[in-house]
PDB file of all heavy atoms in Angstrom:
ATOM      1  N   TYR A   1       0.848  -1.174   0.000  1.00  0.00           N
ATOM      2  CA  TYR A   1       0.000   0.000   0.000  1.00  0.00           C
ATOM      3  C   TYR A   1       0.891   1.233   0.000  1.00  0.00           C
ATOM      4  O   TYR A   1       2.104   1.144   0.175  1.00  0.00           O
ATOM      5  CB  TYR A   1      -0.915  -0.007   1.231  1.00  0.00           C
ATOM      6  CG  TYR A   1      -0.189  -0.044   2.556  1.00  0.00           C
ATOM      7  CD1 TYR A   1       0.175   1.142   3.210  1.00  0.00           C
ATOM      8  CD2 TYR A   1       0.164  -1.269   3.145  1.00  0.00           C
ATOM      9  CE1 TYR A   1       0.848   1.092   4.415  1.00  0.00           C
ATOM     10  CE2 TYR A   1       0.830  -1.322   4.347  1.00  0.00           C
ATOM     11  CZ  TYR A   1       1.169  -0.132   4.988  1.00  0.00           C
ATOM     12  OH  TYR A   1       1.848  -0.164   6.174  1.00  0.00           O
ATOM     13  N   THR A   2       0.194   2.413  -0.203  1.00  0.00           N
ATOM     14  CA  THR A   2       0.912   3.690  -0.151  1.00  0.00           C
ATOM     15  C   THR A   2       0.381   4.471   1.025  1.00  0.00           C
ATOM     16  O   THR A   2      -0.802   4.357   1.408  1.00  0.00           O
ATOM     17  CB  THR A   2       0.708   4.510  -1.439  1.00  0.00           C
ATOM     18  OG1 THR A   2      -0.683   4.763  -1.616  1.00  0.00           O
ATOM     19  CG2 THR A   2       1.287   3.756  -2.636  1.00  0.00           C
ATOM     20  N   LYS A   3       1.209   5.295   1.559  1.00  0.00           N
ATOM     21  CA  LYS A   3       0.803   6.104   2.701  1.00  0.00           C
ATOM     22  C   LYS A   3       1.787   7.243   2.856  1.00  0.00           C
ATOM     23  O   LYS A   3       3.006   7.019   2.841  1.00  0.00           O
ATOM     24  CB  LYS A   3       0.778   5.247   3.968  1.00  0.00           C
ATOM     25  CG  LYS A   3       0.304   6.005   5.201  1.00  0.00           C
ATOM     26  CD  LYS A   3       0.292   5.073   6.415  1.00  0.00           C
ATOM     27  CE  LYS A   3      -0.161   5.830   7.651  1.00  0.00           C
ATOM     28  NZ  LYS A   3      -0.160   4.947   8.859  1.00  0.00           N
ATOM     29  N   ASP A   4       1.207   8.411   2.946  1.00  0.00           N
ATOM     30  CA  ASP A   4       2.016   9.616   3.161  1.00  0.00           C
ATOM     31  C   ASP A   4       3.131   9.742   2.122  1.00  0.00           C
ATOM     32  O   ASP A   4       4.258  10.117   2.421  1.00  0.00           O
ATOM     33  CB  ASP A   4       2.635   9.615   4.563  1.00  0.00           C
ATOM     34  CG  ASP A   4       1.583   9.611   5.657  1.00  0.00           C
ATOM     35  OD1 ASP A   4       0.485  10.129   5.415  1.00  0.00           O
ATOM     36  OD2 ASP A   4       1.873   9.054   6.747  1.00  0.00           O
ATOM     37  N   GLY A   5       2.769   9.385   0.877  1.00  0.00           N
ATOM     38  CA  GLY A   5       3.736   9.542  -0.203  1.00  0.00           C
ATOM     39  C   GLY A   5       4.816   8.471  -0.242  1.00  0.00           C
ATOM     40  O   GLY A   5       5.816   8.626  -0.938  1.00  0.00           O
ATOM     41  N   LYS A   6       4.572   7.405   0.466  1.00  0.00           N
ATOM     42  CA  LYS A   6       5.566   6.325   0.485  1.00  0.00           C
ATOM     43  C   LYS A   6       4.902   5.004   0.130  1.00  0.00           C
ATOM     44  O   LYS A   6       3.714   4.821   0.346  1.00  0.00           O
ATOM     45  CB  LYS A   6       6.206   6.213   1.864  1.00  0.00           C
ATOM     46  CG  LYS A   6       6.980   7.474   2.279  1.00  0.00           C
ATOM     47  CD  LYS A   6       7.522   7.319   3.694  1.00  0.00           C
ATOM     48  CE  LYS A   6       8.258   8.584   4.126  1.00  0.00           C
ATOM     49  NZ  LYS A   6       8.756   8.472   5.511  1.00  0.00           N
ATOM     50  N   VAL A   7       5.713   4.041  -0.393  1.00  0.00           N
ATOM     51  CA  VAL A   7       5.217   2.707  -0.750  1.00  0.00           C
ATOM     52  C   VAL A   7       5.680   1.718   0.326  1.00  0.00           C
ATOM     53  O   VAL A   7       6.860   1.699   0.705  1.00  0.00           O
ATOM     54  CB  VAL A   7       5.734   2.265  -2.122  1.00  0.00           C
ATOM     55  CG1 VAL A   7       5.202   0.878  -2.467  1.00  0.00           C
ATOM     56  CG2 VAL A   7       5.358   3.283  -3.195  1.00  0.00           C
ATOM     57  N   PHE A   8       4.696   0.926   0.805  1.00  0.00           N
ATOM     58  CA  PHE A   8       4.997  -0.042   1.867  1.00  0.00           C
ATOM     59  C   PHE A   8       4.681  -1.465   1.401  1.00  0.00           C
ATOM     60  O   PHE A   8       3.707  -1.700   0.694  1.00  0.00           O
ATOM     61  CB  PHE A   8       4.183   0.266   3.132  1.00  0.00           C
ATOM     62  CG  PHE A   8       4.634   1.506   3.840  1.00  0.00           C
ATOM     63  CD1 PHE A   8       4.130   2.761   3.474  1.00  0.00           C
ATOM     64  CD2 PHE A   8       5.559   1.433   4.877  1.00  0.00           C
ATOM     65  CE1 PHE A   8       4.544   3.901   4.125  1.00  0.00           C
ATOM     66  CE2 PHE A   8       5.961   2.581   5.517  1.00  0.00           C
ATOM     67  CZ  PHE A   8       5.461   3.823   5.170  1.00  0.00           C
ATOM     68  N   LEU A   9       5.521  -2.423   1.840  1.00  0.00           N
ATOM     69  CA  LEU A   9       5.265  -3.848   1.651  1.00  0.00           C
ATOM     70  C   LEU A   9       4.581  -4.350   2.909  1.00  0.00           C
ATOM     71  O   LEU A   9       5.051  -4.111   4.029  1.00  0.00           O
ATOM     72  CB  LEU A   9       6.582  -4.617   1.442  1.00  0.00           C
ATOM     73  CG  LEU A   9       6.501  -6.143   1.418  1.00  0.00           C
ATOM     74  CD1 LEU A   9       5.696  -6.632   0.211  1.00  0.00           C
ATOM     75  CD2 LEU A   9       7.904  -6.766   1.427  1.00  0.00           C
ATOM     76  N   LYS A  10       3.428  -5.047   2.728  1.00  0.00           N
ATOM     77  CA  LYS A  10       2.732  -5.574   3.891  1.00  0.00           C
ATOM     78  C   LYS A  10       3.577  -6.656   4.572  1.00  0.00           C
ATOM     79  O   LYS A  10       4.261  -7.436   3.928  1.00  0.00           O
ATOM     80  CB  LYS A  10       1.397  -6.185   3.468  1.00  0.00           C
ATOM     81  CG  LYS A  10       0.326  -5.162   3.121  1.00  0.00           C
ATOM     82  CD  LYS A  10      -0.985  -5.873   2.817  1.00  0.00           C
ATOM     83  CE  LYS A  10      -2.082  -4.848   2.504  1.00  0.00           C
ATOM     84  NZ  LYS A  10      -3.376  -5.529   2.220  1.00  0.00           N
ATOM     85  N   GLY A  11       3.505  -6.698   5.872  1.00  0.00           N
ATOM     86  CA  GLY A  11       4.249  -7.684   6.636  1.00  0.00           C
ATOM     87  C   GLY A  11       3.769  -9.111   6.370  1.00  0.00           C
ATOM     88  O   GLY A  11       2.600  -9.330   6.060  1.00  0.00           O
ATOM     89  N   TYR A  12       4.670 -10.060   6.511  1.00  0.00           N
ATOM     90  CA  TYR A  12       4.327 -11.470   6.360  1.00  0.00           C
ATOM     91  C   TYR A  12       5.271 -12.261   7.278  1.00  0.00           C
ATOM     92  O   TYR A  12       6.368 -11.809   7.624  1.00  0.00           O
ATOM     93  CB  TYR A  12       4.454 -11.931   4.907  1.00  0.00           C
ATOM     94  CG  TYR A  12       5.833 -11.707   4.310  1.00  0.00           C
ATOM     95  CD1 TYR A  12       6.789 -12.729   4.334  1.00  0.00           C
ATOM     96  CD2 TYR A  12       6.181 -10.471   3.744  1.00  0.00           C
ATOM     97  CE1 TYR A  12       8.031 -12.530   3.803  1.00  0.00           C
ATOM     98  CE2 TYR A  12       7.430 -10.272   3.216  1.00  0.00           C
ATOM     99  CZ  TYR A  12       8.361 -11.310   3.245  1.00  0.00           C
ATOM    100  OH  TYR A  12       9.614 -11.100   2.730  1.00  0.00           O
ATOM    101  N   PHE A  13       4.818 -13.463   7.622  1.00  0.00           N
ATOM    102  CA  PHE A  13       5.580 -14.255   8.600  1.00  0.00           C
ATOM    103  C   PHE A  13       5.890 -13.379   9.811  1.00  0.00           C
ATOM    104  O   PHE A  13       4.984 -12.768  10.373  1.00  0.00           O
ATOM    105  CB  PHE A  13       6.866 -14.839   7.993  1.00  0.00           C
ATOM    106  CG  PHE A  13       6.626 -15.770   6.832  1.00  0.00           C
ATOM    107  CD1 PHE A  13       7.571 -15.927   5.828  1.00  0.00           C
ATOM    108  CD2 PHE A  13       5.431 -16.495   6.735  1.00  0.00           C
ATOM    109  CE1 PHE A  13       7.351 -16.781   4.769  1.00  0.00           C
ATOM    110  CE2 PHE A  13       5.224 -17.363   5.665  1.00  0.00           C
ATOM    111  CZ  PHE A  13       6.186 -17.507   4.673  1.00  0.00           C
ATOM    112  N   ASP A  14       7.140 -13.287  10.173  1.00  0.00           N
ATOM    113  CA  ASP A  14       7.519 -12.450  11.327  1.00  0.00           C
ATOM    114  C   ASP A  14       8.015 -11.077  10.900  1.00  0.00           C
ATOM    115  O   ASP A  14       8.477 -10.283  11.731  1.00  0.00           O
ATOM    116  CB  ASP A  14       8.620 -13.145  12.139  1.00  0.00           C
ATOM    117  CG  ASP A  14       8.118 -14.403  12.822  1.00  0.00           C
ATOM    118  OD1 ASP A  14       6.909 -14.470  13.123  1.00  0.00           O
ATOM    119  OD2 ASP A  14       8.931 -15.331  13.057  1.00  0.00           O
ATOM    120  N   PHE A  15       7.920 -10.810   9.576  1.00  0.00           N
ATOM    121  CA  PHE A  15       8.395  -9.516   9.087  1.00  0.00           C
ATOM    122  C   PHE A  15       7.278  -8.478   9.246  1.00  0.00           C
ATOM    123  O   PHE A  15       6.140  -8.702   8.808  1.00  0.00           O
ATOM    124  CB  PHE A  15       8.796  -9.594   7.611  1.00  0.00           C
ATOM    125  CG  PHE A  15       9.968 -10.507   7.351  1.00  0.00           C
ATOM    126  CD1 PHE A  15       9.785 -11.684   6.657  1.00  0.00           C
ATOM    127  CD2 PHE A  15      11.235 -10.170   7.803  1.00  0.00           C
ATOM    128  CE1 PHE A  15      10.853 -12.528   6.403  1.00  0.00           C
ATOM    129  CE2 PHE A  15      12.305 -11.014   7.543  1.00  0.00           C
ATOM    130  CZ  PHE A  15      12.122 -12.200   6.855  1.00  0.00           C
ATOM    131  N   PRO A  16       7.567  -7.297   9.784  1.00  0.00           N
ATOM    132  CA  PRO A  16       6.552  -6.217   9.881  1.00  0.00           C
ATOM    133  C   PRO A  16       6.431  -5.491   8.541  1.00  0.00           C
ATOM    134  O   PRO A  16       7.195  -5.751   7.602  1.00  0.00           O
ATOM    135  CB  PRO A  16       7.150  -5.308  10.953  1.00  0.00           C
ATOM    136  CG  PRO A  16       8.635  -5.472  10.817  1.00  0.00           C
ATOM    137  CD  PRO A  16       8.833  -6.910  10.413  1.00  0.00           C
ATOM    138  N   ASP A  17       5.446  -4.599   8.460  1.00  0.00           N
ATOM    139  CA  ASP A  17       5.331  -3.742   7.261  1.00  0.00           C
ATOM    140  C   ASP A  17       6.643  -2.996   7.078  1.00  0.00           C
ATOM    141  O   ASP A  17       7.262  -2.550   8.051  1.00  0.00           O
ATOM    142  CB  ASP A  17       4.185  -2.743   7.420  1.00  0.00           C
ATOM    143  CG  ASP A  17       2.819  -3.444   7.400  1.00  0.00           C
ATOM    144  OD1 ASP A  17       2.821  -4.710   7.317  1.00  0.00           O
ATOM    145  OD2 ASP A  17       1.799  -2.754   7.496  1.00  0.00           O
ATOM    146  N   ARG A  18       7.035  -2.820   5.795  1.00  0.00           N
ATOM    147  CA  ARG A  18       8.344  -2.199   5.554  1.00  0.00           C
ATOM    148  C   ARG A  18       8.272  -1.225   4.392  1.00  0.00           C
ATOM    149  O   ARG A  18       7.664  -1.520   3.353  1.00  0.00           O
ATOM    150  CB  ARG A  18       9.378  -3.305   5.251  1.00  0.00           C
ATOM    151  CG  ARG A  18      10.775  -2.784   4.904  1.00  0.00           C
ATOM    152  CD  ARG A  18      11.773  -3.928   4.910  1.00  0.00           C
ATOM    153  NE  ARG A  18      11.473  -4.940   3.889  1.00  0.00           N
ATOM    154  CZ  ARG A  18      11.873  -4.876   2.635  1.00  0.00           C
ATOM    155  NH1 ARG A  18      12.554  -3.818   2.183  1.00  0.00           N
ATOM    156  NH2 ARG A  18      11.576  -5.864   1.794  1.00  0.00           N
ATOM    157  N   GLU A  19       8.823  -0.065   4.573  1.00  0.00           N
ATOM    158  CA  GLU A  19       8.877   0.950   3.504  1.00  0.00           C
ATOM    159  C   GLU A  19       9.861   0.480   2.452  1.00  0.00           C
ATOM    160  O   GLU A  19      10.982   0.110   2.762  1.00  0.00           O
ATOM    161  CB  GLU A  19       9.341   2.291   4.069  1.00  0.00           C
ATOM    162  CG  GLU A  19       9.456   3.377   2.987  1.00  0.00           C
ATOM    163  CD  GLU A  19      10.075   4.669   3.517  1.00  0.00           C
ATOM    164  OE1 GLU A  19      10.042   4.887   4.754  1.00  0.00           O
ATOM    165  OE2 GLU A  19      10.610   5.421   2.699  1.00  0.00           O
ATOM    166  N   ILE A  20       9.366   0.504   1.159  1.00  0.00           N
ATOM    167  CA  ILE A  20      10.235   0.036   0.088  1.00  0.00           C
ATOM    168  C   ILE A  20      10.529   1.106  -0.968  1.00  0.00           C
ATOM    169  O   ILE A  20      11.326   0.887  -1.876  1.00  0.00           O
ATOM    170  CB  ILE A  20       9.631  -1.202  -0.593  1.00  0.00           C
ATOM    171  CG1 ILE A  20       8.272  -0.873  -1.214  1.00  0.00           C
ATOM    172  CG2 ILE A  20       9.556  -2.381   0.364  1.00  0.00           C
ATOM    173  CD1 ILE A  20       7.707  -2.015  -2.040  1.00  0.00           C
ATOM    174  N   GLY A  21       9.840   2.265  -0.894  1.00  0.00           N
ATOM    175  CA  GLY A  21      10.107   3.329  -1.873  1.00  0.00           C
ATOM    176  C   GLY A  21       9.195   4.533  -1.682  1.00  0.00           C
ATOM    177  O   GLY A  21       8.388   4.584  -0.744  1.00  0.00           O
ATOM    178  N   LEU A  22       9.274   5.494  -2.636  1.00  0.00           N
ATOM    179  CA  LEU A  22       8.487   6.723  -2.599  1.00  0.00           C
ATOM    180  C   LEU A  22       7.491   6.758  -3.751  1.00  0.00           C
ATOM    181  O   LEU A  22       7.739   6.170  -4.821  1.00  0.00           O
ATOM    182  CB  LEU A  22       9.418   7.937  -2.695  1.00  0.00           C
ATOM    183  CG  LEU A  22      10.468   8.093  -1.567  1.00  0.00           C
ATOM    184  CD1 LEU A  22      11.408   9.237  -1.912  1.00  0.00           C
ATOM    185  CD2 LEU A  22       9.786   8.328  -0.227  1.00  0.00           C
ATOM    186  N   VAL A  23       6.381   7.416  -3.526  1.00  0.00           N
ATOM    187  CA  VAL A  23       5.411   7.633  -4.606  1.00  0.00           C
ATOM    188  C   VAL A  23       5.957   8.750  -5.488  1.00  0.00           C
ATOM    189  O   VAL A  23       6.277   9.825  -4.991  1.00  0.00           O
ATOM    190  CB  VAL A  23       4.026   8.008  -4.038  1.00  0.00           C
ATOM    191  CG1 VAL A  23       3.073   8.342  -5.189  1.00  0.00           C
ATOM    192  CG2 VAL A  23       3.468   6.891  -3.181  1.00  0.00           C
ATOM    193  N   LYS A  24       6.040   8.490  -6.765  1.00  0.00           N
ATOM    194  CA  LYS A  24       6.601   9.497  -7.667  1.00  0.00           C
ATOM    195  C   LYS A  24       5.512  10.044  -8.603  1.00  0.00           C
ATOM    196  O   LYS A  24       4.847  11.034  -8.283  1.00  0.00           O
ATOM    197  CB  LYS A  24       7.767   8.915  -8.437  1.00  0.00           C
ATOM    198  CG  LYS A  24       8.949   8.583  -7.518  1.00  0.00           C
ATOM    199  CD  LYS A  24      10.169   8.148  -8.287  1.00  0.00           C
ATOM    200  CE  LYS A  24      11.324   7.896  -7.346  1.00  0.00           C
ATOM    201  NZ  LYS A  24      12.525   7.443  -8.042  1.00  0.00           N
ATOM    202  N   GLU A  25       5.250   9.453  -9.767  1.00  0.00           N
ATOM    203  CA  GLU A  25       4.253   9.973 -10.708  1.00  0.00           C
ATOM    204  C   GLU A  25       2.853   9.895 -10.112  1.00  0.00           C
ATOM    205  O   GLU A  25       2.105  10.866 -10.116  1.00  0.00           O
ATOM    206  CB  GLU A  25       4.318   9.186 -12.021  1.00  0.00           C
ATOM    207  CG  GLU A  25       5.638   9.331 -12.747  1.00  0.00           C
ATOM    208  CD  GLU A  25       5.654   8.518 -14.029  1.00  0.00           C
ATOM    209  OE1 GLU A  25       4.636   7.901 -14.375  1.00  0.00           O
ATOM    210  OE2 GLU A  25       6.722   8.481 -14.680  1.00  0.00           O
ATOM    211  N   SER A  26       2.542   8.671  -9.625  1.00  0.00           N
ATOM    212  CA  SER A  26       1.226   8.486  -8.998  1.00  0.00           C
ATOM    213  C   SER A  26       1.315   7.264  -8.103  1.00  0.00           C
ATOM    214  O   SER A  26       2.253   6.457  -8.209  1.00  0.00           O
ATOM    215  CB  SER A  26       0.130   8.268 -10.052  1.00  0.00           C
ATOM    216  OG  SER A  26       0.341   7.035 -10.737  1.00  0.00           O
ATOM    217  N   GLU A  27       0.312   7.119  -7.234  1.00  0.00           N
ATOM    218  CA  GLU A  27       0.310   5.962  -6.344  1.00  0.00           C
ATOM    219  C   GLU A  27       0.189   4.668  -7.149  1.00  0.00           C
ATOM    220  O   GLU A  27       0.862   3.695  -6.883  1.00  0.00           O
ATOM    221  CB  GLU A  27      -0.848   6.078  -5.345  1.00  0.00           C
ATOM    222  CG  GLU A  27      -0.651   7.206  -4.340  1.00  0.00           C
ATOM    223  CD  GLU A  27      -1.823   7.324  -3.379  1.00  0.00           C
ATOM    224  OE1 GLU A  27      -2.893   6.710  -3.678  1.00  0.00           O
ATOM    225  OE2 GLU A  27      -1.658   7.954  -2.329  1.00  0.00           O
TER     226      GLU A  27
END
């Protein structure tokens, strides 16, 4: 998902949600 201009990977297994990049042209 995107939030506050950033792209996040949803958590899985024991990994929490993690920021993976920035929103540039569009979400």
